[in-house]
Amino acid sequence: MPSWFIVAISSAALLSGSSGAFAQATPTSTTAAKPDQLFNIGFVLYTKGKVPGTLDARWDYANAYSGHGVASGGPANGGFAGRYHVRYFLETGEFSDEYDLDIEKHNGGDFYDATWTANGKISARGVGMEVPNGGGLAVGWRRVTD
């Protein structure tokens, strides 16, 4: 068995954890795992909004919860790095959650650190990279449980 496969399986096992997501609603699929069996792994793709300082979001948590969102209050200079207030919605359009979002450029390259905060407490952290040709900012994240 290739060593990369073993590493991938081991990493997935280590990343599995507590339930929770941007959305605390019913999973979007009837075949989805029970909330206490979900991987603590999420993904969000931010693209630049039509209004300067905004980002549009398409997100997923553990392939069980998903939706869209809007981040506002960011820098008008056209970059991704900055401080935003983001509101997330389920696929149905129902409100899910909102956070203060800090996106920081990591080591001056195309890589970023992301932190979602609610009520002064860090809720999630992630890492991301710019997608070539203006494709947005792709961020993998996980909820902070401690």
N, C-alpha and C. Protein backbone atom coordinates (compact mmCIF):
# COMPACT_ATOMS: atom_id res chain seq x y z
N MET A 1 0.85 -1.17 0.00
CA MET A 1 0.00 0.00 0.00
C MET A 1 0.89 1.24 0.00
N PRO A 2 0.63 2.22 -0.87
CA PRO A 2 1.49 3.41 -0.94
C PRO A 2 1.51 4.17 0.38
N SER A 3 2.67 4.72 0.73
CA SER A 3 2.79 5.44 2.01
C SER A 3 1.93 6.68 2.05
N TRP A 4 1.69 7.37 0.91
CA TRP A 4 0.85 8.57 0.91
C TRP A 4 -0.57 8.21 1.31
N PHE A 5 -1.03 6.99 0.92
CA PHE A 5 -2.39 6.57 1.28
C PHE A 5 -2.50 6.37 2.78
N ILE A 6 -1.50 5.77 3.39
CA ILE A 6 -1.50 5.55 4.84
C ILE A 6 -1.48 6.88 5.57
N VAL A 7 -0.66 7.81 5.09
CA VAL A 7 -0.61 9.14 5.70
C VAL A 7 -1.96 9.83 5.59
N ALA A 8 -2.61 9.73 4.43
CA ALA A 8 -3.91 10.37 4.23
C ALA A 8 -4.95 9.79 5.17
N ILE A 9 -4.98 8.48 5.30
CA ILE A 9 -5.95 7.82 6.20
C ILE A 9 -5.66 8.20 7.65
N SER A 10 -4.39 8.20 8.03
CA SER A 10 -4.02 8.57 9.40
C SER A 10 -4.40 10.01 9.70
N SER A 11 -4.15 10.90 8.74
CA SER A 11 -4.50 12.31 8.92
C SER A 11 -6.00 12.49 9.08
N ALA A 12 -6.76 11.79 8.26
CA ALA A 12 -8.21 11.89 8.35
C ALA A 12 -8.70 11.40 9.71
N ALA A 13 -8.11 10.32 10.20
CA ALA A 13 -8.51 9.81 11.51
C ALA A 13 -8.18 10.81 12.62
N LEU A 14 -7.04 11.46 12.52
CA LEU A 14 -6.65 12.45 13.53
C LEU A 14 -7.53 13.69 13.48
N LEU A 15 -7.98 14.05 12.29
CA LEU A 15 -8.79 15.26 12.14
C LEU A 15 -10.26 15.03 12.50
N SER A 16 -10.69 13.78 12.60
CA SER A 16 -12.07 13.54 12.97
C SER A 16 -12.29 14.01 14.39
N GLY A 17 -13.49 14.41 14.68
CA GLY A 17 -13.70 14.93 16.03
C GLY A 17 -15.12 15.32 16.28
N SER A 18 -15.28 16.35 17.09
CA SER A 18 -16.57 16.76 17.60
C SER A 18 -17.49 17.27 16.51
N SER A 19 -18.77 17.22 16.83
CA SER A 19 -19.74 17.75 15.89
C SER A 19 -19.75 19.26 15.94
N GLY A 20 -20.48 19.85 15.03
CA GLY A 20 -20.57 21.29 14.97
C GLY A 20 -20.17 21.74 13.58
N ALA A 21 -20.67 22.88 13.20
CA ALA A 21 -20.37 23.40 11.88
C ALA A 21 -20.73 24.85 11.86
N PHE A 22 -20.50 25.49 10.73
CA PHE A 22 -21.05 26.82 10.59
C PHE A 22 -22.55 26.69 10.78
N ALA A 23 -23.10 25.61 10.30
CA ALA A 23 -24.54 25.36 10.44
C ALA A 23 -24.79 24.32 11.51
N GLN A 24 -25.78 24.56 12.33
CA GLN A 24 -26.16 23.61 13.38
C GLN A 24 -27.49 22.97 13.04
N ALA A 25 -27.80 22.83 11.78
CA ALA A 25 -29.08 22.32 11.35
C ALA A 25 -28.95 20.85 10.95
N THR A 26 -30.04 20.31 10.42
CA THR A 26 -30.06 18.94 9.98
C THR A 26 -29.12 18.77 8.79
N PRO A 27 -28.37 17.65 8.74
CA PRO A 27 -27.49 17.42 7.60
C PRO A 27 -28.26 17.53 6.29
N THR A 28 -27.56 17.91 5.22
CA THR A 28 -28.20 18.14 3.93
C THR A 28 -28.48 16.84 3.18
N SER A 29 -27.98 15.73 3.66
CA SER A 29 -28.19 14.46 2.98
C SER A 29 -28.72 13.43 3.96
N THR A 30 -29.66 12.62 3.51
CA THR A 30 -30.20 11.58 4.38
C THR A 30 -29.18 10.48 4.61
N THR A 31 -28.13 10.42 3.80
CA THR A 31 -27.10 9.41 3.98
C THR A 31 -25.92 9.94 4.77
N ALA A 32 -25.99 11.20 5.21
CA ALA A 32 -24.89 11.78 5.97
C ALA A 32 -24.76 11.10 7.33
N ALA A 33 -23.55 11.15 7.86
CA ALA A 33 -23.29 10.58 9.18
C ALA A 33 -24.04 11.36 10.24
N LYS A 34 -24.24 10.73 11.40
CA LYS A 34 -24.84 11.43 12.53
C LYS A 34 -23.89 12.54 12.97
N PRO A 35 -24.42 13.66 13.52
CA PRO A 35 -23.55 14.78 13.90
C PRO A 35 -22.37 14.40 14.78
N ASP A 36 -22.53 13.41 15.67
CA ASP A 36 -21.41 13.05 16.53
C ASP A 36 -20.38 12.18 15.82
N GLN A 37 -20.62 11.84 14.54
CA GLN A 37 -19.68 11.04 13.77
C GLN A 37 -19.03 11.83 12.63
N LEU A 38 -19.29 13.14 12.57
CA LEU A 38 -18.77 13.96 11.49
C LEU A 38 -17.30 14.27 11.68
N PHE A 39 -16.58 14.37 10.57
CA PHE A 39 -15.23 14.89 10.63
C PHE A 39 -15.29 16.37 10.96
N ASN A 40 -14.38 16.84 11.75
CA ASN A 40 -14.30 18.26 12.11
C ASN A 40 -13.48 18.97 11.03
N ILE A 41 -13.98 18.92 9.80
CA ILE A 41 -13.28 19.50 8.66
C ILE A 41 -14.29 20.26 7.80
N GLY A 42 -13.93 21.49 7.46
CA GLY A 42 -14.78 22.28 6.59
C GLY A 42 -13.99 22.91 5.46
N PHE A 43 -14.71 23.45 4.51
CA PHE A 43 -14.09 24.10 3.36
C PHE A 43 -14.95 25.30 2.98
N VAL A 44 -14.29 26.39 2.62
CA VAL A 44 -15.01 27.56 2.12
C VAL A 44 -14.21 28.16 0.97
N LEU A 45 -14.93 28.59 -0.06
CA LEU A 45 -14.33 29.30 -1.18
C LEU A 45 -14.87 30.73 -1.16
N TYR A 46 -13.97 31.69 -0.95
CA TYR A 46 -14.34 33.10 -0.97
C TYR A 46 -13.99 33.67 -2.33
N THR A 47 -14.94 34.36 -2.93
CA THR A 47 -14.68 35.09 -4.16
C THR A 47 -15.00 36.55 -3.90
N LYS A 48 -14.36 37.42 -4.63
CA LYS A 48 -14.56 38.85 -4.42
C LYS A 48 -15.97 39.25 -4.81
N GLY A 49 -16.62 40.01 -3.91
CA GLY A 49 -17.97 40.47 -4.17
C GLY A 49 -17.98 41.64 -5.14
N LYS A 50 -19.16 42.02 -5.56
CA LYS A 50 -19.31 43.14 -6.49
C LYS A 50 -18.99 44.47 -5.82
N VAL A 51 -19.22 44.56 -4.51
CA VAL A 51 -18.94 45.78 -3.75
C VAL A 51 -17.54 45.67 -3.16
N PRO A 52 -16.67 46.69 -3.33
CA PRO A 52 -15.33 46.62 -2.73
C PRO A 52 -15.41 46.33 -1.22
N GLY A 53 -14.51 45.47 -0.74
CA GLY A 53 -14.47 45.12 0.68
C GLY A 53 -15.41 43.99 1.06
N THR A 54 -16.03 43.34 0.05
CA THR A 54 -16.93 42.21 0.35
C THR A 54 -16.41 40.94 -0.31
N LEU A 55 -16.79 39.82 0.28
CA LEU A 55 -16.48 38.51 -0.27
C LEU A 55 -17.76 37.68 -0.28
N ASP A 56 -17.95 36.90 -1.34
CA ASP A 56 -19.04 35.94 -1.38
C ASP A 56 -18.45 34.59 -0.99
N ALA A 57 -19.21 33.81 -0.23
CA ALA A 57 -18.71 32.53 0.27
C ALA A 57 -19.59 31.38 -0.19
N ARG A 58 -18.96 30.28 -0.47
CA ARG A 58 -19.63 28.99 -0.69
C ARG A 58 -18.93 28.03 0.25
N TRP A 59 -19.68 27.42 1.21
CA TRP A 59 -19.03 26.64 2.27
C TRP A 59 -19.65 25.26 2.40
N ASP A 60 -18.87 24.38 3.04
CA ASP A 60 -19.31 23.02 3.34
C ASP A 60 -18.65 22.58 4.64
N TYR A 61 -19.38 21.85 5.46
CA TYR A 61 -18.80 21.27 6.67
C TYR A 61 -19.10 19.77 6.66
N ALA A 62 -18.05 18.98 6.59
CA ALA A 62 -18.11 17.51 6.69
C ALA A 62 -19.02 16.88 5.65
N ASN A 63 -19.26 17.55 4.54
CA ASN A 63 -20.18 17.08 3.51
C ASN A 63 -21.57 16.78 4.07
N ALA A 64 -21.91 17.43 5.18
CA ALA A 64 -23.22 17.26 5.79
C ALA A 64 -24.00 18.57 5.86
N TYR A 65 -23.30 19.68 5.94
CA TYR A 65 -23.92 21.00 6.01
C TYR A 65 -23.27 21.87 4.94
N SER A 66 -24.05 22.70 4.28
CA SER A 66 -23.47 23.57 3.26
C SER A 66 -24.36 24.77 3.02
N GLY A 67 -23.80 25.76 2.34
CA GLY A 67 -24.57 26.94 2.02
C GLY A 67 -23.71 28.03 1.43
N HIS A 68 -24.14 29.26 1.63
CA HIS A 68 -23.42 30.40 1.09
C HIS A 68 -23.31 31.46 2.17
N GLY A 69 -22.58 32.52 1.90
CA GLY A 69 -22.42 33.58 2.88
C GLY A 69 -21.89 34.85 2.24
N VAL A 70 -21.89 35.90 3.03
CA VAL A 70 -21.39 37.20 2.59
C VAL A 70 -20.53 37.79 3.69
N ALA A 71 -19.31 38.17 3.33
CA ALA A 71 -18.39 38.85 4.26
C ALA A 71 -18.34 40.31 3.86
N SER A 72 -18.39 41.20 4.83
CA SER A 72 -18.36 42.64 4.53
C SER A 72 -17.41 43.34 5.49
N GLY A 73 -17.08 44.58 5.15
CA GLY A 73 -16.23 45.38 6.02
C GLY A 73 -14.75 45.20 5.78
N GLY A 74 -14.38 44.45 4.76
CA GLY A 74 -12.97 44.20 4.47
C GLY A 74 -12.33 45.36 3.73
N PRO A 75 -11.06 45.20 3.39
CA PRO A 75 -10.34 46.28 2.70
C PRO A 75 -10.87 46.49 1.29
N ALA A 76 -10.91 47.73 0.89
CA ALA A 76 -11.39 48.08 -0.45
C ALA A 76 -10.30 47.95 -1.51
N ASN A 77 -9.08 47.54 -1.10
CA ASN A 77 -7.95 47.48 -2.03
C ASN A 77 -7.99 46.28 -2.96
N GLY A 78 -8.96 45.39 -2.79
CA GLY A 78 -9.09 44.25 -3.70
C GLY A 78 -8.40 42.99 -3.25
N GLY A 79 -7.63 43.02 -2.15
CA GLY A 79 -6.99 41.82 -1.66
C GLY A 79 -7.92 41.02 -0.76
N PHE A 80 -7.47 39.85 -0.33
CA PHE A 80 -8.26 39.03 0.58
C PHE A 80 -7.94 39.31 2.04
N ALA A 81 -6.70 39.65 2.34
CA ALA A 81 -6.29 39.87 3.73
C ALA A 81 -7.07 41.04 4.32
N GLY A 82 -7.55 40.84 5.55
CA GLY A 82 -8.27 41.89 6.24
C GLY A 82 -9.22 41.33 7.27
N ARG A 83 -9.96 42.23 7.87
CA ARG A 83 -10.94 41.86 8.90
C ARG A 83 -12.34 42.07 8.31
N TYR A 84 -13.19 41.06 8.46
CA TYR A 84 -14.53 41.06 7.89
C TYR A 84 -15.55 40.68 8.97
N HIS A 85 -16.80 40.96 8.68
CA HIS A 85 -17.91 40.37 9.42
C HIS A 85 -18.64 39.50 8.41
N VAL A 86 -18.80 38.22 8.72
CA VAL A 86 -19.37 37.28 7.75
C VAL A 86 -20.64 36.64 8.32
N ARG A 87 -21.63 36.54 7.45
CA ARG A 87 -22.90 35.89 7.78
C ARG A 87 -23.06 34.70 6.84
N TYR A 88 -23.37 33.53 7.41
CA TYR A 88 -23.52 32.31 6.64
C TYR A 88 -24.98 31.86 6.64
N PHE A 89 -25.39 31.24 5.53
CA PHE A 89 -26.75 30.77 5.34
C PHE A 89 -26.72 29.34 4.84
N LEU A 90 -27.77 28.59 5.15
CA LEU A 90 -27.91 27.22 4.66
C LEU A 90 -28.34 27.25 3.19
N GLU A 91 -28.32 26.09 2.55
CA GLU A 91 -28.76 25.98 1.16
C GLU A 91 -30.18 26.51 0.98
N THR A 92 -31.03 26.37 2.00
CA THR A 92 -32.42 26.81 1.94
C THR A 92 -32.56 28.33 2.02
N GLY A 93 -31.45 29.02 2.35
CA GLY A 93 -31.49 30.45 2.54
C GLY A 93 -31.68 30.85 4.00
N GLU A 94 -31.93 29.88 4.85
CA GLU A 94 -32.10 30.13 6.28
C GLU A 94 -30.77 30.55 6.91
N PHE A 95 -30.82 31.57 7.78
CA PHE A 95 -29.62 32.04 8.46
C PHE A 95 -29.01 30.91 9.28
N SER A 96 -27.68 30.83 9.28
CA SER A 96 -26.96 29.81 10.02
C SER A 96 -26.16 30.43 11.16
N ASP A 97 -25.09 31.16 10.84
CA ASP A 97 -24.18 31.70 11.84
C ASP A 97 -23.57 32.99 11.34
N GLU A 98 -22.93 33.73 12.27
CA GLU A 98 -22.14 34.89 11.87
C GLU A 98 -20.91 34.99 12.75
N TYR A 99 -19.85 35.53 12.16
CA TYR A 99 -18.55 35.59 12.82
C TYR A 99 -17.81 36.86 12.41
N ASP A 100 -16.82 37.21 13.19
CA ASP A 100 -15.79 38.14 12.76
C ASP A 100 -14.72 37.26 12.16
N LEU A 101 -14.27 37.61 10.98
CA LEU A 101 -13.31 36.80 10.23
C LEU A 101 -12.05 37.61 9.98
N ASP A 102 -10.92 37.08 10.41
CA ASP A 102 -9.62 37.69 10.14
C ASP A 102 -8.88 36.80 9.15
N ILE A 103 -8.48 37.40 8.03
CA ILE A 103 -7.69 36.70 7.02
C ILE A 103 -6.34 37.40 6.95
N GLU A 104 -5.28 36.63 7.18
CA GLU A 104 -3.92 37.18 7.17
C GLU A 104 -3.07 36.46 6.14
N LYS A 105 -2.32 37.22 5.37
CA LYS A 105 -1.39 36.64 4.41
C LYS A 105 -0.26 35.98 5.19
N HIS A 106 0.10 34.77 4.80
CA HIS A 106 1.12 34.01 5.51
C HIS A 106 2.44 34.07 4.76
N ASN A 107 3.48 34.61 5.41
CA ASN A 107 4.83 34.67 4.85
C ASN A 107 4.92 35.35 3.49
N GLY A 108 4.02 36.28 3.22
CA GLY A 108 4.11 37.08 2.01
C GLY A 108 3.79 36.37 0.71
N GLY A 109 3.39 35.10 0.75
CA GLY A 109 3.07 34.38 -0.48
C GLY A 109 1.59 34.41 -0.78
N ASP A 110 1.13 33.37 -1.46
CA ASP A 110 -0.28 33.24 -1.79
C ASP A 110 -1.04 32.40 -0.78
N PHE A 111 -0.44 32.19 0.40
CA PHE A 111 -1.06 31.39 1.44
C PHE A 111 -1.57 32.28 2.56
N TYR A 112 -2.63 31.82 3.25
CA TYR A 112 -3.31 32.65 4.24
C TYR A 112 -3.65 31.84 5.48
N ASP A 113 -3.78 32.55 6.60
CA ASP A 113 -4.34 32.02 7.84
C ASP A 113 -5.70 32.68 8.02
N ALA A 114 -6.69 31.92 8.49
CA ALA A 114 -8.02 32.47 8.72
C ALA A 114 -8.47 32.11 10.13
N THR A 115 -9.11 33.07 10.79
CA THR A 115 -9.63 32.86 12.14
C THR A 115 -11.05 33.41 12.21
N TRP A 116 -11.99 32.57 12.67
CA TRP A 116 -13.37 32.98 12.86
C TRP A 116 -13.62 33.13 14.36
N THR A 117 -14.14 34.30 14.76
CA THR A 117 -14.37 34.61 16.17
C THR A 117 -15.83 34.96 16.38
N ALA A 118 -16.40 34.48 17.49
CA ALA A 118 -17.77 34.83 17.88
C ALA A 118 -17.77 35.15 19.37
N ASN A 119 -18.36 36.25 19.72
CA ASN A 119 -18.45 36.67 21.12
C ASN A 119 -17.08 36.70 21.79
N GLY A 120 -16.07 37.16 21.05
CA GLY A 120 -14.72 37.30 21.59
C GLY A 120 -13.95 36.00 21.74
N LYS A 121 -14.51 34.88 21.29
CA LYS A 121 -13.86 33.58 21.43
C LYS A 121 -13.62 32.98 20.04
N ILE A 122 -12.42 32.44 19.82
CA ILE A 122 -12.11 31.81 18.54
C ILE A 122 -12.96 30.56 18.38
N SER A 123 -13.68 30.50 17.26
CA SER A 123 -14.56 29.37 16.97
C SER A 123 -13.96 28.38 15.97
N ALA A 124 -13.16 28.91 15.03
CA ALA A 124 -12.57 28.05 13.99
C ALA A 124 -11.30 28.69 13.47
N ARG A 125 -10.42 27.84 12.95
CA ARG A 125 -9.19 28.30 12.32
C ARG A 125 -9.00 27.52 11.02
N GLY A 126 -8.33 28.19 10.08
CA GLY A 126 -8.10 27.53 8.81
C GLY A 126 -6.88 28.06 8.09
N VAL A 127 -6.54 27.37 7.03
CA VAL A 127 -5.45 27.78 6.15
C VAL A 127 -5.98 27.78 4.73
N GLY A 128 -5.44 28.70 3.92
CA GLY A 128 -5.95 28.78 2.57
C GLY A 128 -4.90 29.22 1.58
N MET A 129 -5.31 29.21 0.33
CA MET A 129 -4.44 29.67 -0.75
C MET A 129 -5.30 30.27 -1.85
N GLU A 130 -4.69 31.23 -2.55
CA GLU A 130 -5.39 31.84 -3.67
C GLU A 130 -5.52 30.85 -4.81
N VAL A 131 -6.68 30.87 -5.45
CA VAL A 131 -6.92 30.05 -6.62
C VAL A 131 -6.47 30.87 -7.83
N PRO A 132 -5.66 30.29 -8.72
CA PRO A 132 -5.16 31.06 -9.87
C PRO A 132 -6.27 31.67 -10.72
N ASN A 133 -5.90 32.69 -11.47
CA ASN A 133 -6.77 33.35 -12.44
C ASN A 133 -8.02 33.96 -11.80
N GLY A 134 -7.86 34.51 -10.61
CA GLY A 134 -8.98 35.18 -9.96
C GLY A 134 -10.05 34.26 -9.45
N GLY A 135 -9.71 32.99 -9.21
CA GLY A 135 -10.69 32.00 -8.77
C GLY A 135 -11.13 32.13 -7.33
N GLY A 136 -10.47 32.99 -6.56
CA GLY A 136 -10.89 33.20 -5.18
C GLY A 136 -9.84 32.76 -4.18
N LEU A 137 -10.29 32.59 -2.95
CA LEU A 137 -9.46 32.12 -1.85
C LEU A 137 -10.09 30.86 -1.31
N ALA A 138 -9.40 29.74 -1.43
CA ALA A 138 -9.88 28.44 -0.95
C ALA A 138 -9.30 28.21 0.44
N VAL A 139 -10.18 27.91 1.42
CA VAL A 139 -9.75 27.75 2.81
C VAL A 139 -10.31 26.46 3.39
N GLY A 140 -9.41 25.63 3.91
CA GLY A 140 -9.80 24.48 4.71
C GLY A 140 -9.80 24.90 6.16
N TRP A 141 -10.76 24.45 6.95
CA TRP A 141 -10.87 24.91 8.34
C TRP A 141 -11.38 23.79 9.24
N ARG A 142 -11.21 24.03 10.52
CA ARG A 142 -11.80 23.12 11.52
C ARG A 142 -12.21 23.94 12.73
N ARG A 143 -13.25 23.48 13.39
CA ARG A 143 -13.74 24.15 14.59
C ARG A 143 -12.73 23.96 15.70
N VAL A 144 -12.60 24.97 16.54
CA VAL A 144 -11.72 24.90 17.71
C VAL A 144 -12.57 24.41 18.86
N THR A 145 -12.16 23.32 19.46
CA THR A 145 -12.98 22.72 20.51
C THR A 145 -12.41 22.91 21.90
N ASP A 146 -11.22 23.53 22.02
CA ASP A 146 -10.65 23.73 23.34
C ASP A 146 -10.48 25.18 23.64
